[in-house]
N, C-alpha and C. Protein backbone atom coordinates (compact mmCIF):
# COMPACT_ATOMS: atom_id res chain seq x y z
N MET A 1 113.72 188.31 182.44
CA MET A 1 113.69 189.65 181.58
C MET A 1 112.29 190.30 182.10
N GLY A 2 112.23 191.09 181.08
CA GLY A 2 111.12 191.76 180.90
C GLY A 2 110.94 193.23 180.24
N TYR A 3 110.00 193.87 180.18
CA TYR A 3 110.09 195.17 179.04
C TYR A 3 110.09 196.37 179.94
N TYR A 4 111.20 197.03 179.57
CA TYR A 4 111.59 198.32 180.12
C TYR A 4 110.75 199.45 179.19
N THR A 5 110.17 200.64 180.30
CA THR A 5 109.61 201.84 179.40
C THR A 5 110.19 202.84 180.23
N ARG A 6 110.52 204.04 179.49
CA ARG A 6 110.83 205.34 180.16
C ARG A 6 109.47 206.11 180.36
N HIS A 7 109.44 206.48 181.40
CA HIS A 7 108.06 206.84 182.10
C HIS A 7 108.38 208.36 182.20
N THR A 8 107.75 209.53 181.96
CA THR A 8 107.55 211.04 182.16
C THR A 8 106.26 211.14 182.78
N LEU A 9 106.12 211.83 183.94
CA LEU A 9 104.75 212.07 184.76
C LEU A 9 105.01 213.83 184.84
N GLU A 10 103.72 214.15 184.55
CA GLU A 10 103.31 215.62 184.65
C GLU A 10 101.88 215.69 185.31
N HIS A 11 101.77 216.84 185.91
CA HIS A 11 100.10 216.98 186.64
C HIS A 11 99.80 218.31 186.49
N ASP A 12 98.58 218.60 186.38
CA ASP A 12 98.22 220.15 186.55
C ASP A 12 98.24 220.89 187.89
N ASP A 13 98.32 220.20 188.69
CA ASP A 13 98.31 220.60 190.30
C ASP A 13 98.81 222.19 190.78
N LYS A 14 99.86 222.78 189.78
CA LYS A 14 100.14 223.92 189.81
C LYS A 14 100.80 224.29 191.15
N GLY A 15 101.74 223.52 191.32
CA GLY A 15 102.56 223.63 192.68
C GLY A 15 101.91 223.11 194.15
N ARG A 16 100.51 223.12 194.25
CA ARG A 16 99.70 223.18 195.30
C ARG A 16 100.36 222.00 196.34
N ILE A 17 100.86 220.98 196.00
CA ILE A 17 100.78 219.55 196.41
C ILE A 17 102.17 219.00 195.77
N ASP A 18 103.37 218.71 196.36
CA ASP A 18 104.35 218.15 195.87
C ASP A 18 103.94 216.48 195.93
N HIS A 19 103.68 216.03 194.94
CA HIS A 19 103.47 214.81 194.66
C HIS A 19 104.70 213.95 194.63
N GLU A 20 106.00 214.26 194.74
CA GLU A 20 106.95 213.31 194.83
C GLU A 20 106.86 212.26 195.73
N GLU A 21 106.48 212.44 197.16
CA GLU A 21 106.57 211.36 198.25
C GLU A 21 105.45 210.68 197.79
N GLY A 22 103.99 210.96 197.34
CA GLY A 22 102.85 210.16 197.46
C GLY A 22 103.22 209.37 196.26
N ILE A 23 103.68 209.57 195.00
CA ILE A 23 104.12 208.87 193.95
C ILE A 23 105.22 207.71 194.27
N THR A 24 105.77 208.18 195.08
CA THR A 24 107.01 207.23 195.60
C THR A 24 106.58 206.29 196.37
N ASP A 25 105.57 206.90 197.19
CA ASP A 25 104.93 205.36 198.23
C ASP A 25 104.00 204.71 197.23
N THR A 26 103.30 205.17 196.39
CA THR A 26 102.39 204.52 195.76
C THR A 26 103.03 203.43 194.81
N THR A 27 103.99 204.00 193.86
CA THR A 27 104.84 202.90 193.12
C THR A 27 105.82 202.30 193.48
N GLY A 28 106.41 202.56 194.60
CA GLY A 28 107.72 202.06 195.11
C GLY A 28 108.89 202.51 194.10
N TYR A 29 108.74 203.30 193.32
CA TYR A 29 110.00 203.65 192.67
C TYR A 29 110.09 205.48 192.94
N GLU A 30 111.72 205.74 193.06
CA GLU A 30 111.88 206.82 193.58
C GLU A 30 111.39 207.81 192.33
N TYR A 31 110.55 209.06 192.89
CA TYR A 31 110.07 209.99 192.01
C TYR A 31 111.23 210.21 190.65
N SER A 32 112.42 210.42 190.97
CA SER A 32 113.65 210.86 190.04
C SER A 32 113.28 210.06 189.02
N VAL A 33 113.03 208.75 188.93
CA VAL A 33 113.22 207.89 187.63
C VAL A 33 112.18 207.87 186.64
N PHE A 34 111.24 208.82 187.02
CA PHE A 34 110.27 209.44 185.93
C PHE A 34 110.91 210.57 184.94
N ASP A 35 112.02 210.79 185.05
CA ASP A 35 113.00 211.80 184.23
C ASP A 35 114.02 211.12 183.44
N ASP A 36 114.67 210.14 184.22
CA ASP A 36 115.92 209.57 183.79
C ASP A 36 116.05 208.24 183.20
N ASP A 37 115.35 207.43 183.64
CA ASP A 37 115.63 205.82 183.79
C ASP A 37 114.43 205.19 183.00
N GLU A 38 114.45 203.97 182.59
CA GLU A 38 113.63 202.99 182.00
C GLU A 38 113.72 201.85 183.12
N ILE A 39 112.37 201.73 183.19
CA ILE A 39 111.99 201.14 184.55
C ILE A 39 110.97 199.83 183.84
N LYS A 40 110.72 198.70 185.13
CA LYS A 40 109.66 197.66 184.73
C LYS A 40 108.60 198.07 185.67
N TRP A 41 107.58 198.74 185.14
CA TRP A 41 106.42 199.24 186.03
C TRP A 41 105.19 198.67 185.58
N TYR A 42 105.05 197.61 185.84
CA TYR A 42 104.10 196.28 185.22
C TYR A 42 102.54 197.10 185.77
N ASP A 43 102.47 197.53 187.22
CA ASP A 43 101.55 197.88 187.43
C ASP A 43 101.05 199.73 187.41
N HIS A 44 101.80 200.07 186.59
CA HIS A 44 101.46 201.82 186.33
C HIS A 44 100.09 202.12 186.13
N GLU A 45 99.13 201.51 185.70
CA GLU A 45 97.90 201.73 185.17
C GLU A 45 97.17 201.64 186.84
N LYS A 46 97.42 200.67 187.51
CA LYS A 46 96.36 200.29 188.30
C LYS A 46 97.14 201.23 189.35
N ASP A 47 98.25 201.46 189.53
CA ASP A 47 99.06 202.68 190.66
C ASP A 47 98.41 203.98 190.43
N MET A 48 98.45 204.27 189.17
CA MET A 48 98.26 205.60 188.73
C MET A 48 96.58 205.79 189.16
N ARG A 49 95.92 204.96 188.66
CA ARG A 49 94.28 204.95 188.86
C ARG A 49 94.32 205.48 190.45
N ASN A 50 94.78 204.56 191.15
CA ASN A 50 94.65 204.33 192.74
C ASN A 50 94.82 205.91 193.35
N TYR A 51 96.23 206.42 192.66
CA TYR A 51 96.88 207.77 193.29
C TYR A 51 96.18 208.65 192.79
N SER A 52 95.40 208.66 191.66
CA SER A 52 94.88 209.91 191.16
C SER A 52 93.31 210.02 191.71
N LYS A 53 93.01 209.00 192.23
CA LYS A 53 91.62 209.02 193.26
C LYS A 53 91.88 209.56 194.61
N CYS A 54 93.19 209.76 195.17
CA CYS A 54 93.47 211.15 195.98
C CYS A 54 93.22 212.41 196.02
N TYR A 55 93.40 212.60 194.65
CA TYR A 55 93.66 213.81 194.25
C TYR A 55 92.74 214.06 193.06
N PRO A 56 91.24 214.03 193.32
CA PRO A 56 90.21 213.76 191.99
C PRO A 56 90.26 215.13 191.26
N LYS A 57 90.61 216.32 191.65
CA LYS A 57 90.62 217.14 190.60
C LYS A 57 91.75 217.54 190.08
N VAL A 58 92.91 216.82 190.27
CA VAL A 58 94.20 216.90 189.53
C VAL A 58 94.16 216.03 188.03
N THR A 59 94.65 216.42 187.27
CA THR A 59 94.96 215.41 185.86
C THR A 59 96.38 215.22 185.91
N PHE A 60 96.51 214.08 185.84
CA PHE A 60 98.07 213.49 185.83
C PHE A 60 98.42 213.07 184.43
N ILE A 61 99.47 213.17 183.90
CA ILE A 61 99.69 212.54 182.45
C ILE A 61 101.21 211.69 182.94
N LEU A 62 100.87 210.66 182.16
CA LEU A 62 101.80 209.38 182.28
C LEU A 62 102.53 209.31 180.49
N TYR A 63 103.78 209.73 180.47
CA TYR A 63 104.18 209.40 178.72
C TYR A 63 104.82 208.27 179.17
N GLY A 64 104.80 207.46 178.06
CA GLY A 64 105.73 206.43 178.13
C GLY A 64 106.33 205.73 176.68
N VAL A 65 107.53 205.45 176.70
CA VAL A 65 108.60 205.39 175.55
C VAL A 65 108.99 203.91 175.89
N GLY A 66 108.36 202.90 175.23
CA GLY A 66 108.93 201.72 175.43
C GLY A 66 110.10 201.14 174.43
N GLU A 67 110.88 200.06 174.80
CA GLU A 67 111.99 199.75 174.37
C GLU A 67 111.95 199.26 172.77
N GLU A 68 110.62 198.89 172.22
CA GLU A 68 110.39 198.52 171.16
C GLU A 68 110.08 199.82 170.06
N GLU A 69 110.69 199.84 169.05
CA GLU A 69 110.55 201.25 168.20
C GLU A 69 108.80 201.19 167.70
N GLY A 70 108.63 202.68 167.91
CA GLY A 70 107.51 202.89 167.63
C GLY A 70 106.29 202.99 168.81
N ASP A 71 106.98 202.38 170.17
CA ASP A 71 105.87 202.32 171.25
C ASP A 71 106.21 203.57 172.18
N TYR A 72 105.27 204.49 171.76
CA TYR A 72 104.90 205.64 172.21
C TYR A 72 103.49 205.71 172.87
N TRP A 73 103.51 206.26 174.16
CA TRP A 73 101.80 206.20 174.60
C TRP A 73 101.86 207.70 175.33
N LYS A 74 100.55 208.22 175.71
CA LYS A 74 100.39 209.09 176.68
C LYS A 74 99.20 208.81 177.24
N GLU A 75 99.11 208.52 179.15
CA GLU A 75 97.72 207.87 179.54
C GLU A 75 97.29 209.27 180.14
N TYR A 76 95.85 209.39 180.37
CA TYR A 76 95.49 210.64 181.19
C TYR A 76 95.10 209.88 182.42
N TYR A 77 95.16 210.42 183.68
CA TYR A 77 94.33 210.15 184.95
C TYR A 77 93.84 211.12 185.65
N LYS A 78 92.27 210.93 185.89
CA LYS A 78 91.88 211.90 186.86
C LYS A 78 90.49 210.97 187.53
N ASN A 79 90.89 211.07 188.83
CA ASN A 79 89.79 210.32 189.75
C ASN A 79 89.51 209.21 189.73
N GLY A 80 90.78 208.73 189.46
CA GLY A 80 90.89 206.80 188.99
C GLY A 80 90.24 206.75 187.60
N ASP A 81 89.78 207.28 186.81
CA ASP A 81 89.84 207.26 185.45
C ASP A 81 90.94 207.22 184.45
N MET A 82 91.24 206.44 183.08
CA MET A 82 92.47 207.16 182.43
C MET A 82 91.74 206.76 181.11
N VAL A 83 92.50 207.80 180.18
CA VAL A 83 92.44 207.46 178.90
C VAL A 83 93.73 207.42 178.56
N ARG A 84 93.58 206.32 177.46
CA ARG A 84 95.21 206.32 176.66
C ARG A 84 95.14 206.42 175.29
N ARG A 85 96.27 207.17 174.97
CA ARG A 85 96.61 207.81 173.62
C ARG A 85 97.76 207.05 172.89
N ASN A 86 97.90 206.10 171.97
CA ASN A 86 99.03 205.92 171.51
C ASN A 86 99.69 206.90 170.57
N GLY A 87 100.80 207.11 170.14
CA GLY A 87 101.64 207.79 169.52
C GLY A 87 101.85 207.36 168.38
N GLU A 88 101.98 208.24 167.08
CA GLU A 88 102.44 207.55 165.75
C GLU A 88 103.88 208.48 165.62
N MET A 89 104.61 207.49 165.03
CA MET A 89 105.87 207.88 164.83
C MET A 89 106.14 208.14 163.22
N THR A 90 106.43 209.44 162.84
CA THR A 90 106.73 209.50 161.37
C THR A 90 107.94 209.84 161.31
N VAL A 91 108.48 209.46 160.14
CA VAL A 91 110.05 209.97 159.67
C VAL A 91 110.09 210.97 158.71
N THR A 92 110.58 212.15 158.70
CA THR A 92 110.65 213.07 157.63
C THR A 92 112.26 213.39 157.38
N TYR A 93 112.64 213.80 156.10
CA TYR A 93 114.01 213.87 155.74
C TYR A 93 113.60 215.49 155.08
N GLU A 94 114.78 216.40 155.22
CA GLU A 94 114.99 217.75 154.65
C GLU A 94 115.20 217.58 153.40
N PRO A 95 114.36 218.25 152.50
CA PRO A 95 114.80 218.50 151.03
C PRO A 95 116.39 218.46 150.75
N PHE A 96 116.40 217.56 149.35
CA PHE A 96 117.65 217.34 148.98
C PHE A 96 117.59 218.26 147.53
N TYR A 97 118.68 218.97 147.54
CA TYR A 97 119.03 220.06 146.42
C TYR A 97 120.32 219.52 145.71
N GLY A 98 120.63 219.39 144.58
CA GLY A 98 121.69 218.89 144.08
C GLY A 98 122.79 219.94 144.02
N ASP A 99 122.59 221.02 144.65
CA ASP A 99 123.59 222.02 144.71
C ASP A 99 124.76 221.49 145.79
N TYR A 100 124.07 220.57 146.58
CA TYR A 100 125.16 220.23 147.54
C TYR A 100 126.62 219.73 147.13
N PHE A 101 126.53 219.08 145.82
CA PHE A 101 127.78 218.42 145.60
C PHE A 101 128.35 219.66 144.73
N THR A 102 129.91 219.59 144.42
CA THR A 102 130.71 220.53 144.15
C THR A 102 131.10 219.71 142.87
N GLU A 103 131.71 220.54 141.62
CA GLU A 103 131.98 220.14 140.41
C GLU A 103 133.64 219.62 140.71
N ASP A 104 134.27 220.41 141.64
CA ASP A 104 135.44 220.12 142.15
C ASP A 104 135.78 218.93 142.94
N LYS A 105 136.55 217.76 142.55
CA LYS A 105 136.65 216.63 143.33
C LYS A 105 138.29 216.52 143.19
């Protein structure tokens, strides 16, 4: 078994370099999994630190949503450095007004 996480990867390279091949080579995962699939990517921090060193001026943002409720995080990578921010989940409900019910039953 293992822990599945849905990852989304973004960067601020503005189209200068196509990172799909490089990310695929570094991670061993096809780039398309970062939009659709839950994967077990245990070495994501090491992989992204190493990859970001190859493009020291680019900021990479890796979003993660784990299989357990409330497991949301975002990691920023630049030139081998990483900063992680955990997400906070809040639940809100729209207001309830008594006039939703009718007197006719």
